[in-house]
């Protein structure tokens, strides 16, 4: 998967929030997380992306309001 394909998924699914995980520990990704974040932002999804760097924690709630 590359940045464009990841952003394509956001276009289709249109999630309230997206949390990229395992972006640096699998050899199948064709572009770095930074490319995905840039492409997602370019397409208007920047505010949907949650970040959680290695060793950090993030709480994802069950709030379904959009």
PDB file of N, CA and C in Angstrom:
ATOM      1  N   UNK A   1       0.851  -1.177   0.000  1.00  0.00           N
ATOM      2  CA  UNK A   1       0.000   0.000   0.000  1.00  0.00           C
ATOM      3  C   UNK A   1       0.894   1.236   0.000  1.00  0.00           C
ATOM      4  N   UNK A   2       0.509   2.225  -0.771  1.00  0.00           N
ATOM      5  CA  UNK A   2       1.241   3.487  -0.771  1.00  0.00           C
ATOM      6  C   UNK A   2       0.334   4.601  -0.237  1.00  0.00           C
ATOM      7  N   UNK A   3       0.864   5.797  -0.186  1.00  0.00           N
ATOM      8  CA  UNK A   3       0.128   6.933   0.376  1.00  0.00           C
ATOM      9  C   UNK A   3      -1.191   7.179  -0.349  1.00  0.00           C
ATOM     10  N   UNK A   4      -1.171   7.106  -1.657  1.00  0.00           N
ATOM     11  CA  UNK A   4      -2.388   7.328  -2.435  1.00  0.00           C
ATOM     12  C   UNK A   4      -3.446   6.281  -2.161  1.00  0.00           C
ATOM     13  N   UNK A   5      -3.031   5.032  -2.047  1.00  0.00           N
ATOM     14  CA  UNK A   5      -3.984   3.957  -1.771  1.00  0.00           C
ATOM     15  C   UNK A   5      -4.584   4.111  -0.369  1.00  0.00           C
ATOM     16  N   UNK A   6      -3.763   4.503   0.583  1.00  0.00           N
ATOM     17  CA  UNK A   6      -4.285   4.741   1.929  1.00  0.00           C
ATOM     18  C   UNK A   6      -5.292   5.871   1.947  1.00  0.00           C
ATOM     19  N   UNK A   7      -4.981   6.951   1.244  1.00  0.00           N
ATOM     20  CA  UNK A   7      -5.900   8.084   1.168  1.00  0.00           C
ATOM     21  C   UNK A   7      -7.164   7.707   0.392  1.00  0.00           C
ATOM     22  N   UNK A   8      -7.013   6.834  -0.619  1.00  0.00           N
ATOM     23  CA  UNK A   8      -8.197   6.338  -1.336  1.00  0.00           C
ATOM     24  C   UNK A   8      -9.156   5.659  -0.368  1.00  0.00           C
ATOM     25  N   UNK A   9      -8.618   4.888   0.567  1.00  0.00           N
ATOM     26  CA  UNK A   9      -9.468   4.210   1.551  1.00  0.00           C
ATOM     27  C   UNK A   9     -10.218   5.219   2.412  1.00  0.00           C
ATOM     28  N   UNK A  10      -9.549   6.296   2.791  1.00  0.00           N
ATOM     29  CA  UNK A  10     -10.239   7.341   3.550  1.00  0.00           C
ATOM     30  C   UNK A  10     -11.354   7.966   2.719  1.00  0.00           C
ATOM     31  N   UNK A  11     -11.105   8.160   1.430  1.00  0.00           N
ATOM     32  CA  UNK A  11     -12.133   8.720   0.542  1.00  0.00           C
ATOM     33  C   UNK A  11     -13.376   7.832   0.513  1.00  0.00           C
ATOM     34  N   UNK A  12     -13.168   6.525   0.477  1.00  0.00           N
ATOM     35  CA  UNK A  12     -14.275   5.580   0.366  1.00  0.00           C
ATOM     36  C   UNK A  12     -14.999   5.409   1.704  1.00  0.00           C
ATOM     37  N   UNK A  13     -14.227   5.176   2.761  1.00  0.00           N
ATOM     38  CA  UNK A  13     -14.815   4.856   4.062  1.00  0.00           C
ATOM     39  C   UNK A  13     -15.302   6.096   4.799  1.00  0.00           C
ATOM     40  N   UNK A  14     -14.585   7.206   4.646  1.00  0.00           N
ATOM     41  CA  UNK A  14     -14.893   8.472   5.317  1.00  0.00           C
ATOM     42  C   UNK A  14     -15.094   8.294   6.824  1.00  0.00           C
ATOM     43  N   UNK A  15     -14.097   7.732   7.505  1.00  0.00           N
ATOM     44  CA  UNK A  15     -14.241   7.504   8.943  1.00  0.00           C
ATOM     45  C   UNK A  15     -14.254   8.810   9.725  1.00  0.00           C
ATOM     46  N   UNK A  16     -14.843   8.751  10.908  1.00  0.00           N
ATOM     47  CA  UNK A  16     -14.829   9.917  11.795  1.00  0.00           C
ATOM     48  C   UNK A  16     -13.391  10.198  12.225  1.00  0.00           C
ATOM     49  N   UNK A  17     -12.651   9.145  12.536  1.00  0.00           N
ATOM     50  CA  UNK A  17     -11.245   9.236  12.896  1.00  0.00           C
ATOM     51  C   UNK A  17     -10.503   8.073  12.260  1.00  0.00           C
ATOM     52  N   UNK A  18      -9.232   8.284  11.974  1.00  0.00           N
ATOM     53  CA  UNK A  18      -8.365   7.228  11.455  1.00  0.00           C
ATOM     54  C   UNK A  18      -7.075   7.237  12.265  1.00  0.00           C
ATOM     55  N   UNK A  19      -6.634   6.058  12.645  1.00  0.00           N
ATOM     56  CA  UNK A  19      -5.426   5.910  13.451  1.00  0.00           C
ATOM     57  C   UNK A  19      -4.465   4.988  12.711  1.00  0.00           C
ATOM     58  N   UNK A  20      -3.498   5.556  11.990  1.00  0.00           N
ATOM     59  CA  UNK A  20      -2.535   4.708  11.289  1.00  0.00           C
ATOM     60  C   UNK A  20      -1.673   3.940  12.292  1.00  0.00           C
ATOM     61  N   UNK A  21      -1.582   2.629  12.109  1.00  0.00           N
ATOM     62  CA  UNK A  21      -0.745   1.788  12.969  1.00  0.00           C
ATOM     63  C   UNK A  21       0.077   0.846  12.099  1.00  0.00           C
ATOM     64  N   UNK A  22       1.131   0.342  12.660  1.00  0.00           N
ATOM     65  CA  UNK A  22       2.019  -0.591  11.959  1.00  0.00           C
ATOM     66  C   UNK A  22       2.543  -0.002  10.652  1.00  0.00           C
ATOM     67  N   UNK A  23       2.772   1.299  10.646  1.00  0.00           N
ATOM     68  CA  UNK A  23       3.203   1.946   9.409  1.00  0.00           C
ATOM     69  C   UNK A  23       4.695   1.775   9.143  1.00  0.00           C
ATOM     70  N   UNK A  24       5.449   1.347  10.143  1.00  0.00           N
ATOM     71  CA  UNK A  24       6.886   1.224   9.921  1.00  0.00           C
ATOM     72  C   UNK A  24       7.434  -0.168  10.211  1.00  0.00           C
ATOM     73  N   UNK A  25       6.549  -1.126  10.477  1.00  0.00           N
ATOM     74  CA  UNK A  25       7.058  -2.444  10.817  1.00  0.00           C
ATOM     75  C   UNK A  25       6.644  -3.539   9.838  1.00  0.00           C
ATOM     76  N   UNK A  26       6.144  -3.163   8.711  1.00  0.00           N
ATOM     77  CA  UNK A  26       5.800  -4.133   7.675  1.00  0.00           C
ATOM     78  C   UNK A  26       6.469  -3.716   6.374  1.00  0.00           C
ATOM     79  N   UNK A  27       7.058  -4.653   5.692  1.00  0.00           N
ATOM     80  CA  UNK A  27       7.750  -4.363   4.443  1.00  0.00           C
ATOM     81  C   UNK A  27       6.846  -4.159   3.251  1.00  0.00           C
ATOM     82  N   UNK A  28       5.535  -4.245   3.426  1.00  0.00           N
ATOM     83  CA  UNK A  28       4.632  -4.147   2.282  1.00  0.00           C
ATOM     84  C   UNK A  28       4.261  -2.712   1.916  1.00  0.00           C
ATOM     85  N   UNK A  29       4.549  -1.766   2.810  1.00  0.00           N
ATOM     86  CA  UNK A  29       4.188  -0.381   2.515  1.00  0.00           C
ATOM     87  C   UNK A  29       5.162   0.207   1.508  1.00  0.00           C
ATOM     88  N   UNK A  30       4.639   0.914   0.537  1.00  0.00           N
ATOM     89  CA  UNK A  30       5.462   1.451  -0.545  1.00  0.00           C
ATOM     90  C   UNK A  30       5.869   2.900  -0.339  1.00  0.00           C
ATOM     91  N   UNK A  31       5.355   3.523   0.692  1.00  0.00           N
ATOM     92  CA  UNK A  31       5.737   4.905   0.985  1.00  0.00           C
ATOM     93  C   UNK A  31       5.640   5.122   2.493  1.00  0.00           C
ATOM     94  N   UNK A  32       6.360   6.099   3.002  1.00  0.00           N
ATOM     95  CA  UNK A  32       6.367   6.332   4.448  1.00  0.00           C
ATOM     96  C   UNK A  32       5.074   6.990   4.944  1.00  0.00           C
ATOM     97  N   UNK A  33       4.893   6.927   6.244  1.00  0.00           N
ATOM     98  CA  UNK A  33       3.728   7.534   6.876  1.00  0.00           C
ATOM     99  C   UNK A  33       3.613   9.010   6.522  1.00  0.00           C
ATOM    100  N   UNK A  34       4.728   9.707   6.457  1.00  0.00           N
ATOM    101  CA  UNK A  34       4.691  11.143   6.149  1.00  0.00           C
ATOM    102  C   UNK A  34       4.028  11.412   4.800  1.00  0.00           C
ATOM    103  N   UNK A  35       4.240  10.541   3.820  1.00  0.00           N
ATOM    104  CA  UNK A  35       3.583  10.702   2.518  1.00  0.00           C
ATOM    105  C   UNK A  35       2.079  10.518   2.647  1.00  0.00           C
ATOM    106  N   UNK A  36       1.671   9.513   3.432  1.00  0.00           N
ATOM    107  CA  UNK A  36       0.242   9.278   3.645  1.00  0.00           C
ATOM    108  C   UNK A  36      -0.406  10.474   4.335  1.00  0.00           C
ATOM    109  N   UNK A  37       0.247  10.976   5.380  1.00  0.00           N
ATOM    110  CA  UNK A  37      -0.311  12.117   6.110  1.00  0.00           C
ATOM    111  C   UNK A  37      -0.457  13.329   5.195  1.00  0.00           C
ATOM    112  N   UNK A  38       0.526  13.566   4.355  1.00  0.00           N
ATOM    113  CA  UNK A  38       0.469  14.695   3.420  1.00  0.00           C
ATOM    114  C   UNK A  38      -0.663  14.505   2.410  1.00  0.00           C
ATOM    115  N   UNK A  39      -0.781  13.301   1.861  1.00  0.00           N
ATOM    116  CA  UNK A  39      -1.837  13.037   0.871  1.00  0.00           C
ATOM    117  C   UNK A  39      -3.216  13.100   1.512  1.00  0.00           C
ATOM    118  N   UNK A  40      -3.349  12.554   2.713  1.00  0.00           N
ATOM    119  CA  UNK A  40      -4.630  12.618   3.422  1.00  0.00           C
ATOM    120  C   UNK A  40      -5.012  14.067   3.690  1.00  0.00           C
ATOM    121  N   UNK A  41      -4.060  14.878   4.111  1.00  0.00           N
ATOM    122  CA  UNK A  41      -4.328  16.299   4.362  1.00  0.00           C
ATOM    123  C   UNK A  41      -4.715  17.010   3.067  1.00  0.00           C
ATOM    124  N   UNK A  42      -4.024  16.699   1.982  1.00  0.00           N
ATOM    125  CA  UNK A  42      -4.322  17.321   0.684  1.00  0.00           C
ATOM    126  C   UNK A  42      -5.760  17.035   0.260  1.00  0.00           C
ATOM    127  N   UNK A  43      -6.260  15.870   0.615  1.00  0.00           N
ATOM    128  CA  UNK A  43      -7.623  15.468   0.257  1.00  0.00           C
ATOM    129  C   UNK A  43      -8.659  15.887   1.299  1.00  0.00           C
ATOM    130  N   UNK A  44      -8.240  16.615   2.316  1.00  0.00           N
ATOM    131  CA  UNK A  44      -9.183  17.120   3.306  1.00  0.00           C
ATOM    132  C   UNK A  44      -9.423  16.215   4.498  1.00  0.00           C
ATOM    133  N   UNK A  45      -8.586  15.211   4.685  1.00  0.00           N
ATOM    134  CA  UNK A  45      -8.758  14.271   5.791  1.00  0.00           C
ATOM    135  C   UNK A  45      -7.830  14.564   6.967  1.00  0.00           C
ATOM    136  N   UNK A  46      -7.061  15.617   6.910  1.00  0.00           N
ATOM    137  CA  UNK A  46      -6.061  15.881   7.938  1.00  0.00           C
ATOM    138  C   UNK A  46      -6.620  15.918   9.346  1.00  0.00           C
ATOM    139  N   UNK A  47      -7.788  16.474   9.526  1.00  0.00           N
ATOM    140  CA  UNK A  47      -8.394  16.566  10.844  1.00  0.00           C
ATOM    141  C   UNK A  47      -8.930  15.248  11.379  1.00  0.00           C
ATOM    142  N   UNK A  48      -9.002  14.236  10.539  1.00  0.00           N
ATOM    143  CA  UNK A  48      -9.503  12.924  10.947  1.00  0.00           C
ATOM    144  C   UNK A  48      -8.398  12.015  11.484  1.00  0.00           C
ATOM    145  N   UNK A  49      -7.158  12.350  11.194  1.00  0.00           N
ATOM    146  CA  UNK A  49      -6.040  11.469  11.508  1.00  0.00           C
ATOM    147  C   UNK A  49      -5.588  11.654  12.955  1.00  0.00           C
ATOM    148  N   UNK A  50      -5.571  10.568  13.710  1.00  0.00           N
ATOM    149  CA  UNK A  50      -5.005  10.560  15.053  1.00  0.00           C
ATOM    150  C   UNK A  50      -3.581  10.041  14.946  1.00  0.00           C
ATOM    151  N   UNK A  51      -2.699  10.592  15.739  1.00  0.00           N
ATOM    152  CA  UNK A  51      -1.301  10.136  15.733  1.00  0.00           C
ATOM    153  C   UNK A  51      -1.002   9.437  17.043  1.00  0.00           C
ATOM    154  N   UNK A  52      -0.249   8.377  16.965  1.00  0.00           N
ATOM    155  CA  UNK A  52       0.207   7.648  18.139  1.00  0.00           C
ATOM    156  C   UNK A  52       1.579   7.089  17.804  1.00  0.00           C
ATOM    157  N   UNK A  53       2.589   7.789  18.254  1.00  0.00           N
ATOM    158  CA  UNK A  53       3.956   7.358  17.983  1.00  0.00           C
ATOM    159  C   UNK A  53       4.323   6.178  18.881  1.00  0.00           C
ATOM    160  N   UNK A  54       5.329   5.405  18.499  1.00  0.00           N
ATOM    161  CA  UNK A  54       5.738   4.260  19.326  1.00  0.00           C
ATOM    162  C   UNK A  54       5.962   4.675  20.780  1.00  0.00           C
ATOM    163  N   UNK A  55       5.368   3.924  21.680  1.00  0.00           N
ATOM    164  CA  UNK A  55       5.492   4.201  23.100  1.00  0.00           C
ATOM    165  C   UNK A  55       4.433   5.138  23.651  1.00  0.00           C
ATOM    166  N   UNK A  56       3.699   5.814  22.777  1.00  0.00           N
ATOM    167  CA  UNK A  56       2.621   6.703  23.216  1.00  0.00           C
ATOM    168  C   UNK A  56       1.316   5.927  23.310  1.00  0.00           C
ATOM    169  N   UNK A  57       0.361   6.535  23.970  1.00  0.00           N
ATOM    170  CA  UNK A  57      -0.977   5.964  24.069  1.00  0.00           C
ATOM    171  C   UNK A  57      -1.987   6.971  23.554  1.00  0.00           C
ATOM    172  N   UNK A  58      -3.046   6.458  23.001  1.00  0.00           N
ATOM    173  CA  UNK A  58      -4.144   7.306  22.573  1.00  0.00           C
ATOM    174  C   UNK A  58      -5.438   6.606  22.980  1.00  0.00           C
ATOM    175  N   UNK A  59      -6.395   7.381  23.437  1.00  0.00           N
ATOM    176  CA  UNK A  59      -7.699   6.838  23.786  1.00  0.00           C
ATOM    177  C   UNK A  59      -8.655   7.128  22.632  1.00  0.00           C
ATOM    178  N   UNK A  60      -9.279   6.102  22.156  1.00  0.00           N
ATOM    179  CA  UNK A  60     -10.242   6.235  21.062  1.00  0.00           C
ATOM    180  C   UNK A  60     -11.603   5.947  21.658  1.00  0.00           C
ATOM    181  N   UNK A  61     -12.457   6.969  21.684  1.00  0.00           N
ATOM    182  CA  UNK A  61     -13.770   6.826  22.297  1.00  0.00           C
ATOM    183  C   UNK A  61     -14.791   6.238  21.366  1.00  0.00           C
ATOM    184  N   UNK A  62     -15.955   5.971  21.928  1.00  0.00           N
ATOM    185  CA  UNK A  62     -17.048   5.399  21.164  1.00  0.00           C
ATOM    186  C   UNK A  62     -18.021   6.441  20.661  1.00  0.00           C
ATOM    187  N   UNK A  63     -17.640   7.713  20.686  1.00  0.00           N
ATOM    188  CA  UNK A  63     -18.511   8.791  20.241  1.00  0.00           C
ATOM    189  C   UNK A  63     -18.766   8.670  18.754  1.00  0.00           C
ATOM    190  N   UNK A  64     -20.012   8.501  18.350  1.00  0.00           N
ATOM    191  CA  UNK A  64     -20.333   8.318  16.930  1.00  0.00           C
ATOM    192  C   UNK A  64     -20.879   9.587  16.289  1.00  0.00           C
ATOM    193  N   UNK A  65     -20.893  10.685  17.027  1.00  0.00           N
ATOM    194  CA  UNK A  65     -21.358  11.950  16.430  1.00  0.00           C
ATOM    195  C   UNK A  65     -20.401  12.378  15.332  1.00  0.00           C
ATOM    196  N   UNK A  66     -20.928  12.985  14.298  1.00  0.00           N
ATOM    197  CA  UNK A  66     -20.073  13.442  13.191  1.00  0.00           C
ATOM    198  C   UNK A  66     -20.145  14.922  13.070  1.00  0.00           C
TER     199      UNK A  66
END
